Amino acid sequence: MKELNGIVIQKKMIRDQLCLVKIFSESNGLQGFWWKGSSKKGPKFDLFDVIQFQIKEDQKDQTPWLRNPNVQQHLFHCRIDPVKSATLLFFQEVLHHLMEEHYQNPPLYHFLVQLTQDLDETDQVQSFHFAFAVGLMRALGCCPVVPQDNPDWFSMYEGQFGKGYNPPGLHITSANAQLQLFVHILKHDWEVLNQPQFTSSQKRSLLRDAIEYLFIQMEKKSTIQSLEIFYELFHL
């Protein structure tokens, strides 16, 4: 038996108390497990909790059973706060579409563990959706390098800033201050999100473009449905 720590990315009820649980661990990546929980006894874990569990090292051809789960990091406040709970669902939907079974990325694992813990403990949640997007860019190896000079555009296909003639494709431009806000976000300047010169519409558009950029770089099609709900919850 091999003992692992992993973060719960999905917990889907199949029937009765039978669940399909997807866990993202540092060494084994994303893996699905069967879990028969109980409403009265046994460990309770939920989305983005960190659990310690055991697996058979030689079982690779079928979905294994989750063995001896033990919660190491429980997100208590995220279960009772509607905005934090919706934020986790937003994270989960993006990751569900970006990561395939057995996908491994230790930096992404550690980033998610820390980000969700910080979300659970903070009173200020406005910047976490942007922190999630930028953290994904870094972990996936597609985070743009912020230029020294003020750029004219950012190419979402080429993943770089530029001046003058822009290449074909989708861009984040200086129109409507989108490019300026994007540069601030890449520098982790979260306070800028509270400044009155950046409107809800600008922040809404930038979040959509940041997610679209991630899907372009991962060569996947974005089908994220939770953004509209997310906008309403954050009054974006």
C-alpha atoms as a PDB file:
ATOM      1  CA  MET A   1       0.000   0.000   0.000  1.00  0.00           C
ATOM      2  CA  LYS A   2       1.173   3.503  -0.832  1.00  0.00           C
ATOM      3  CA  GLU A   3       0.177   6.506   1.315  1.00  0.00           C
ATOM      4  CA  LEU A   4      -0.495   9.827  -0.388  1.00  0.00           C
ATOM      5  CA  ASN A   5      -1.745  13.322   0.334  1.00  0.00           C
ATOM      6  CA  GLY A   6      -4.083  14.827  -2.229  1.00  0.00           C
ATOM      7  CA  ILE A   7      -6.586  17.625  -2.774  1.00  0.00           C
ATOM      8  CA  VAL A   8     -10.166  16.674  -3.646  1.00  0.00           C
ATOM      9  CA  ILE A   9     -11.024  18.099  -7.083  1.00  0.00           C
ATOM     10  CA  GLN A  10     -14.364  16.370  -7.571  1.00  0.00           C
ATOM     11  CA  LYS A  11     -16.864  14.476  -5.437  1.00  0.00           C
ATOM     12  CA  LYS A  12     -19.792  13.202  -7.475  1.00  0.00           C
ATOM     13  CA  MET A  13     -22.631  11.125  -6.046  1.00  0.00           C
ATOM     14  CA  ILE A  14     -23.411   8.150  -8.297  1.00  0.00           C
ATOM     15  CA  ARG A  15     -26.106   6.324  -6.329  1.00  0.00           C
ATOM     16  CA  ASP A  16     -27.059   5.869  -2.683  1.00  0.00           C
ATOM     17  CA  GLN A  17     -23.809   6.642  -0.863  1.00  0.00           C
ATOM     18  CA  LEU A  18     -21.483   5.648  -3.719  1.00  0.00           C
ATOM     19  CA  CYS A  19     -19.301   8.535  -4.904  1.00  0.00           C
ATOM     20  CA  LEU A  20     -16.754   9.062  -7.628  1.00  0.00           C
ATOM     21  CA  VAL A  21     -13.941  11.102  -6.092  1.00  0.00           C
ATOM     22  CA  LYS A  22     -11.151  12.715  -8.112  1.00  0.00           C
ATOM     23  CA  ILE A  23      -8.021  13.520  -6.152  1.00  0.00           C
ATOM     24  CA  PHE A  24      -5.021  15.524  -7.334  1.00  0.00           C
ATOM     25  CA  SER A  25      -1.816  14.466  -5.553  1.00  0.00           C
ATOM     26  CA  GLU A  26       1.754  15.671  -5.878  1.00  0.00           C
ATOM     27  CA  SER A  27       3.255  12.343  -6.964  1.00  0.00           C
ATOM     28  CA  ASN A  28       0.359  10.559  -8.727  1.00  0.00           C
ATOM     29  CA  GLY A  29      -1.408  13.494 -10.319  1.00  0.00           C
ATOM     30  CA  LEU A  30      -5.170  13.432 -10.974  1.00  0.00           C
ATOM     31  CA  GLN A  31      -6.807  10.074 -10.284  1.00  0.00           C
ATOM     32  CA  GLY A  32     -10.370   8.859  -9.846  1.00  0.00           C
ATOM     33  CA  PHE A  33     -11.526   6.652  -6.962  1.00  0.00           C
ATOM     34  CA  TRP A  34     -14.711   4.958  -5.840  1.00  0.00           C
ATOM     35  CA  TRP A  35     -15.787   5.902  -2.319  1.00  0.00           C
ATOM     36  CA  LYS A  36     -18.740   4.605  -0.331  1.00  0.00           C
ATOM     37  CA  GLY A  37     -19.267   7.191   2.361  1.00  0.00           C
ATOM     38  CA  SER A  38     -21.691   7.123   5.241  1.00  0.00           C
ATOM     39  CA  SER A  39     -24.039   9.795   6.516  1.00  0.00           C
ATOM     40  CA  LYS A  40     -23.488   8.707  10.116  1.00  0.00           C
ATOM     41  CA  LYS A  41     -20.009   7.265  10.385  1.00  0.00           C
ATOM     42  CA  GLY A  42     -16.644   7.606   8.749  1.00  0.00           C
ATOM     43  CA  PRO A  43     -14.560  10.600   7.628  1.00  0.00           C
ATOM     44  CA  LYS A  44     -16.246  13.603   6.058  1.00  0.00           C
ATOM     45  CA  PHE A  45     -14.424  15.426   3.275  1.00  0.00           C
ATOM     46  CA  ASP A  46     -15.537  17.767   0.537  1.00  0.00           C
ATOM     47  CA  LEU A  47     -14.339  19.744  -2.473  1.00  0.00           C
ATOM     48  CA  PHE A  48     -10.743  21.013  -2.115  1.00  0.00           C
ATOM     49  CA  ASP A  49     -10.155  19.429   1.276  1.00  0.00           C
ATOM     50  CA  VAL A  50      -6.701  17.842   1.553  1.00  0.00           C
ATOM     51  CA  ILE A  51      -6.855  14.199   2.571  1.00  0.00           C
ATOM     52  CA  GLN A  52      -4.353  11.472   3.344  1.00  0.00           C
ATOM     53  CA  PHE A  53      -5.234   8.111   1.795  1.00  0.00           C
ATOM     54  CA  GLN A  54      -3.833   4.761   0.667  1.00  0.00           C
ATOM     55  CA  ILE A  55      -3.760   3.077  -2.742  1.00  0.00           C
ATOM     56  CA  LYS A  56      -2.557  -0.218  -4.150  1.00  0.00           C
ATOM     57  CA  GLU A  57       0.552   0.589  -6.162  1.00  0.00           C
ATOM     58  CA  ASP A  58      -0.091  -2.162  -8.759  1.00  0.00           C
ATOM     59  CA  GLN A  59      -3.737  -1.257  -9.491  1.00  0.00           C
ATOM     60  CA  LYS A  60      -3.699   0.748 -12.724  1.00  0.00           C
ATOM     61  CA  ASP A  61      -6.288  -0.730 -15.119  1.00  0.00           C
ATOM     62  CA  GLN A  62      -9.515   0.124 -13.279  1.00  0.00           C
ATOM     63  CA  THR A  63     -10.883   2.758 -10.957  1.00  0.00           C
ATOM     64  CA  PRO A  64      -9.576   1.872  -7.466  1.00  0.00           C
ATOM     65  CA  TRP A  65     -11.380   2.254  -4.171  1.00  0.00           C
ATOM     66  CA  LEU A  66     -10.398   5.094  -1.888  1.00  0.00           C
ATOM     67  CA  ARG A  67      -8.834   3.549   1.208  1.00  0.00           C
ATOM     68  CA  ASN A  68      -8.551   4.974   4.716  1.00  0.00           C
ATOM     69  CA  PRO A  69      -9.098   8.673   3.894  1.00  0.00           C
ATOM     70  CA  ASN A  70      -8.090  11.041   6.663  1.00  0.00           C
ATOM     71  CA  VAL A  71      -8.745  14.785   6.364  1.00  0.00           C
ATOM     72  CA  GLN A  72      -5.567  16.848   6.746  1.00  0.00           C
ATOM     73  CA  GLN A  73      -6.929  20.272   5.750  1.00  0.00           C
ATOM     74  CA  HIS A  74     -10.645  20.987   6.005  1.00  0.00           C
ATOM     75  CA  LEU A  75     -12.133  24.118   4.444  1.00  0.00           C
ATOM     76  CA  PHE A  76     -14.702  24.980   7.089  1.00  0.00           C
ATOM     77  CA  HIS A  77     -15.581  28.575   6.181  1.00  0.00           C
ATOM     78  CA  CYS A  78     -15.840  27.782   2.464  1.00  0.00           C
ATOM     79  CA  ARG A  79     -18.799  25.483   3.261  1.00  0.00           C
ATOM     80  CA  ILE A  80     -20.869  28.132   5.028  1.00  0.00           C
ATOM     81  CA  ASP A  81     -19.960  31.248   3.045  1.00  0.00           C
ATOM     82  CA  PRO A  82     -21.910  31.338  -0.266  1.00  0.00           C
ATOM     83  CA  VAL A  83     -19.329  33.432  -2.125  1.00  0.00           C
ATOM     84  CA  LYS A  84     -16.406  31.264  -1.020  1.00  0.00           C
ATOM     85  CA  SER A  85     -18.365  28.140  -1.883  1.00  0.00           C
ATOM     86  CA  ALA A  86     -19.144  29.510  -5.355  1.00  0.00           C
ATOM     87  CA  THR A  87     -15.466  30.402  -5.779  1.00  0.00           C
ATOM     88  CA  LEU A  88     -14.487  26.786  -5.152  1.00  0.00           C
ATOM     89  CA  LEU A  89     -17.036  25.624  -7.723  1.00  0.00           C
ATOM     90  CA  PHE A  90     -15.535  28.068 -10.217  1.00  0.00           C
ATOM     91  CA  PHE A  91     -12.047  26.669  -9.497  1.00  0.00           C
ATOM     92  CA  GLN A  92     -13.377  23.129  -9.846  1.00  0.00           C
ATOM     93  CA  GLU A  93     -15.044  23.748 -13.201  1.00  0.00           C
ATOM     94  CA  VAL A  94     -11.914  25.304 -14.722  1.00  0.00           C
ATOM     95  CA  LEU A  95      -9.670  22.487 -13.452  1.00  0.00           C
ATOM     96  CA  HIS A  96     -12.149  19.831 -14.584  1.00  0.00           C
ATOM     97  CA  HIS A  97     -11.854  21.064 -18.165  1.00  0.00           C
ATOM     98  CA  LEU A  98      -8.097  21.674 -18.116  1.00  0.00           C
ATOM     99  CA  MET A  99      -6.811  18.511 -16.385  1.00  0.00           C
ATOM    100  CA  GLU A 100      -7.133  14.988 -17.709  1.00  0.00           C
ATOM    101  CA  GLU A 101      -6.822  11.731 -15.778  1.00  0.00           C
ATOM    102  CA  HIS A 102      -3.253  11.084 -14.526  1.00  0.00           C
ATOM    103  CA  TYR A 103      -2.224  14.687 -15.238  1.00  0.00           C
ATOM    104  CA  GLN A 104       0.748  15.510 -12.978  1.00  0.00           C
ATOM    105  CA  ASN A 105       1.987  18.949 -11.947  1.00  0.00           C
ATOM    106  CA  PRO A 106       3.535  19.275  -8.435  1.00  0.00           C
ATOM    107  CA  PRO A 107       3.736  23.116  -8.547  1.00  0.00           C
ATOM    108  CA  LEU A 108       0.027  23.263  -9.391  1.00  0.00           C
ATOM    109  CA  TYR A 109      -0.774  20.896  -6.521  1.00  0.00           C
ATOM    110  CA  HIS A 110       1.038  23.053  -3.953  1.00  0.00           C
ATOM    111  CA  PHE A 111      -0.477  26.229  -5.383  1.00  0.00           C
ATOM    112  CA  LEU A 112      -4.023  24.872  -5.063  1.00  0.00           C
ATOM    113  CA  VAL A 113      -3.470  23.677  -1.506  1.00  0.00           C
ATOM    114  CA  GLN A 114      -2.176  27.096  -0.424  1.00  0.00           C
ATOM    115  CA  LEU A 115      -4.719  29.139  -2.385  1.00  0.00           C
ATOM    116  CA  THR A 116      -7.739  27.278  -1.020  1.00  0.00           C
ATOM    117  CA  GLN A 117      -6.409  27.446   2.533  1.00  0.00           C
ATOM    118  CA  ASP A 118      -5.917  31.213   2.153  1.00  0.00           C
ATOM    119  CA  LEU A 119      -9.433  31.552   0.740  1.00  0.00           C
ATOM    120  CA  ASP A 120     -10.864  29.698   3.734  1.00  0.00           C
ATOM    121  CA  GLU A 121      -9.101  31.982   6.213  1.00  0.00           C
ATOM    122  CA  THR A 122      -9.488  35.425   4.617  1.00  0.00           C
ATOM    123  CA  ASP A 123     -12.245  38.015   4.886  1.00  0.00           C
ATOM    124  CA  GLN A 124     -11.357  39.596   1.528  1.00  0.00           C
ATOM    125  CA  VAL A 125     -12.233  37.362  -1.404  1.00  0.00           C
ATOM    126  CA  GLN A 126     -12.343  39.865  -4.281  1.00  0.00           C
ATOM    127  CA  SER A 127      -8.928  38.993  -5.725  1.00  0.00           C
ATOM    128  CA  PHE A 128      -9.003  35.204  -5.464  1.00  0.00           C
ATOM    129  CA  HIS A 129     -10.482  34.507  -8.888  1.00  0.00           C
ATOM    130  CA  PHE A 130      -7.669  36.540 -10.487  1.00  0.00           C
ATOM    131  CA  ALA A 131      -5.048  34.970  -8.193  1.00  0.00           C
ATOM    132  CA  PHE A 132      -6.333  31.576  -9.327  1.00  0.00           C
ATOM    133  CA  ALA A 133      -5.993  32.506 -13.005  1.00  0.00           C
ATOM    134  CA  VAL A 134      -2.472  33.927 -12.634  1.00  0.00           C
ATOM    135  CA  GLY A 135      -1.377  30.993 -10.461  1.00  0.00           C
ATOM    136  CA  LEU A 136      -2.600  28.594 -13.131  1.00  0.00           C
ATOM    137  CA  MET A 137      -0.611  30.485 -15.760  1.00  0.00           C
ATOM    138  CA  ARG A 138       2.566  30.095 -13.685  1.00  0.00           C
ATOM    139  CA  ALA A 139       1.984  26.430 -12.858  1.00  0.00           C
ATOM    140  CA  LEU A 140       1.128  25.585 -16.467  1.00  0.00           C
ATOM    141  CA  GLY A 141       4.180  27.415 -17.800  1.00  0.00           C
ATOM    142  CA  CYS A 142       2.337  30.059 -19.805  1.00  0.00           C
ATOM    143  CA  CYS A 143       2.519  33.117 -17.550  1.00  0.00           C
ATOM    144  CA  PRO A 144       3.451  36.169 -19.655  1.00  0.00           C
ATOM    145  CA  VAL A 145       6.578  38.204 -18.907  1.00  0.00           C
ATOM    146  CA  VAL A 146       5.550  41.755 -18.066  1.00  0.00           C
ATOM    147  CA  PRO A 147       7.511  44.205 -20.281  1.00  0.00           C
ATOM    148  CA  GLN A 148       9.478  47.162 -18.977  1.00  0.00           C
ATOM    149  CA  ASP A 149       7.821  49.597 -21.400  1.00  0.00           C
ATOM    150  CA  ASN A 150       4.101  50.158 -21.718  1.00  0.00           C
ATOM    151  CA  PRO A 151       2.828  47.645 -24.310  1.00  0.00           C
ATOM    152  CA  ASP A 152       0.110  48.252 -26.908  1.00  0.00           C
ATOM    153  CA  TRP A 153      -1.377  44.773 -26.860  1.00  0.00           C
ATOM    154  CA  PHE A 154      -1.132  41.228 -25.527  1.00  0.00           C
ATOM    155  CA  SER A 155      -1.542  38.351 -27.969  1.00  0.00           C
ATOM    156  CA  MET A 156      -3.558  35.515 -26.411  1.00  0.00           C
ATOM    157  CA  TYR A 157      -2.292  33.029 -29.009  1.00  0.00           C
ATOM    158  CA  GLU A 158       1.385  33.967 -28.868  1.00  0.00           C
ATOM    159  CA  GLY A 159       1.323  34.643 -25.140  1.00  0.00           C
ATOM    160  CA  GLN A 160       3.343  37.841 -25.284  1.00  0.00           C
ATOM    161  CA  PHE A 161       3.076  41.607 -25.156  1.00  0.00           C
ATOM    162  CA  GLY A 162       4.043  43.878 -28.015  1.00  0.00           C
ATOM    163  CA  LYS A 163       3.998  47.343 -29.542  1.00  0.00           C
ATOM    164  CA  GLY A 164       2.968  48.604 -32.938  1.00  0.00           C
ATOM    165  CA  TYR A 165       1.525  46.131 -35.447  1.00  0.00           C
ATOM    166  CA  ASN A 166      -0.185  43.272 -33.640  1.00  0.00           C
ATOM    167  CA  PRO A 167      -0.291  39.698 -34.991  1.00  0.00           C
ATOM    168  CA  PRO A 168      -3.610  38.114 -35.990  1.00  0.00           C
ATOM    169  CA  GLY A 169      -5.843  36.477 -33.401  1.00  0.00           C
ATOM    170  CA  LEU A 170      -7.350  37.400 -30.050  1.00  0.00           C
ATOM    171  CA  HIS A 171      -5.801  40.227 -28.026  1.00  0.00           C
ATOM    172  CA  ILE A 172      -6.075  42.131 -24.793  1.00  0.00           C
ATOM    173  CA  THR A 173      -5.637  45.769 -25.803  1.00  0.00           C
ATOM    174  CA  SER A 174      -5.301  49.167 -24.159  1.00  0.00           C
ATOM    175  CA  ALA A 175      -8.904  49.931 -25.065  1.00  0.00           C
ATOM    176  CA  ASN A 176     -11.110  50.279 -21.996  1.00  0.00           C
ATOM    177  CA  ALA A 177      -8.010  49.982 -19.737  1.00  0.00           C
ATOM    178  CA  GLN A 178      -8.023  46.200 -20.082  1.00  0.00           C
ATOM    179  CA  LEU A 179      -4.307  45.936 -20.812  1.00  0.00           C
ATOM    180  CA  GLN A 180      -3.354  48.157 -17.877  1.00  0.00           C
ATOM    181  CA  LEU A 181      -5.447  46.058 -15.495  1.00  0.00           C
ATOM    182  CA  PHE A 182      -3.942  42.825 -16.883  1.00  0.00           C
ATOM    183  CA  VAL A 183      -0.395  44.067 -16.207  1.00  0.00           C
ATOM    184  CA  HIS A 184      -1.335  44.928 -12.607  1.00  0.00           C
ATOM    185  CA  ILE A 185      -2.840  41.478 -12.087  1.00  0.00           C
ATOM    186  CA  LEU A 186       0.265  39.717 -13.423  1.00  0.00           C
ATOM    187  CA  LYS A 187       2.323  41.682 -10.882  1.00  0.00           C
ATOM    188  CA  HIS A 188       0.009  40.489  -8.072  1.00  0.00           C
ATOM    189  CA  ASP A 189      -1.084  44.067  -7.477  1.00  0.00           C
ATOM    190  CA  TRP A 190      -4.482  43.041  -6.084  1.00  0.00           C
ATOM    191  CA  GLU A 191      -5.231  46.426  -4.517  1.00  0.00           C
ATOM    192  CA  VAL A 192      -5.816  47.832  -7.975  1.00  0.00           C
ATOM    193  CA  LEU A 193      -9.059  45.856  -8.123  1.00  0.00           C
ATOM    194  CA  ASN A 194     -10.550  48.220  -5.546  1.00  0.00           C
ATOM    195  CA  GLN A 195      -9.621  51.388  -7.413  1.00  0.00           C
ATOM    196  CA  PRO A 196     -12.620  53.262  -8.863  1.00  0.00           C
ATOM    197  CA  GLN A 197     -11.102  53.789 -12.318  1.00  0.00           C
ATOM    198  CA  PHE A 198     -11.502  50.077 -13.039  1.00  0.00           C
ATOM    199  CA  THR A 199     -15.150  49.248 -13.541  1.00  0.00           C
ATOM    200  CA  SER A 200     -17.056  46.035 -12.964  1.00  0.00           C
ATOM    201  CA  SER A 201     -17.342  45.580 -16.726  1.00  0.00           C
ATOM    202  CA  GLN A 202     -13.553  45.817 -17.173  1.00  0.00           C
ATOM    203  CA  LYS A 203     -12.865  43.283 -14.431  1.00  0.00           C
ATOM    204  CA  ARG A 204     -15.544  40.983 -15.824  1.00  0.00           C
ATOM    205  CA  SER A 205     -14.008  41.096 -19.299  1.00  0.00           C
ATOM    206  CA  LEU A 206     -10.487  40.556 -18.004  1.00  0.00           C
ATOM    207  CA  LEU A 207     -11.479  37.479 -15.992  1.00  0.00           C
ATOM    208  CA  ARG A 208     -13.146  36.008 -19.064  1.00  0.00           C
ATOM    209  CA  ASP A 209     -10.074  36.777 -21.213  1.00  0.00           C
ATOM    210  CA  ALA A 210      -7.655  35.319 -18.637  1.00  0.00           C
ATOM    211  CA  ILE A 211      -9.573  32.044 -18.573  1.00  0.00           C
ATOM    212  CA  GLU A 212      -9.833  32.037 -22.362  1.00  0.00           C
ATOM    213  CA  TYR A 213      -6.061  32.554 -22.598  1.00  0.00           C
ATOM    214  CA  LEU A 214      -5.435  29.510 -20.377  1.00  0.00           C
ATOM    215  CA  PHE A 215      -7.627  27.319 -22.545  1.00  0.00           C
ATOM    216  CA  ILE A 216      -5.938  28.566 -25.725  1.00  0.00           C
ATOM    217  CA  GLN A 217      -2.496  27.761 -24.325  1.00  0.00           C
ATOM    218  CA  MET A 218      -3.624  24.292 -23.189  1.00  0.00           C
ATOM    219  CA  GLU A 219      -5.202  23.733 -26.627  1.00  0.00           C
ATOM    220  CA  LYS A 220      -8.635  23.143 -25.161  1.00  0.00           C
ATOM    221  CA  LYS A 221     -12.010  24.741 -25.766  1.00  0.00           C
ATOM    222  CA  SER A 222     -13.397  26.830 -22.924  1.00  0.00           C
ATOM    223  CA  THR A 223     -16.909  25.786 -21.922  1.00  0.00           C
ATOM    224  CA  ILE A 224     -16.979  27.401 -18.480  1.00  0.00           C
ATOM    225  CA  GLN A 225     -20.582  27.969 -17.418  1.00  0.00           C
ATOM    226  CA  SER A 226     -20.081  29.369 -13.912  1.00  0.00           C
ATOM    227  CA  LEU A 227     -18.681  32.785 -14.879  1.00  0.00           C
ATOM    228  CA  GLU A 228     -22.095  34.462 -15.111  1.00  0.00           C
ATOM    229  CA  ILE A 229     -23.067  33.226 -11.636  1.00  0.00           C
ATOM    230  CA  PHE A 230     -19.657  34.259 -10.386  1.00  0.00           C
ATOM    231  CA  TYR A 231     -20.111  37.763 -11.760  1.00  0.00           C
ATOM    232  CA  GLU A 232     -23.391  38.134  -9.883  1.00  0.00           C
ATOM    233  CA  LEU A 233     -21.969  36.922  -6.577  1.00  0.00           C
ATOM    234  CA  PHE A 234     -19.050  39.323  -6.758  1.00  0.00           C
ATOM    235  CA  HIS A 235     -21.158  42.129  -8.208  1.00  0.00           C
ATOM    236  CA  LEU A 236     -18.659  42.359 -11.062  1.00  0.00           C
END
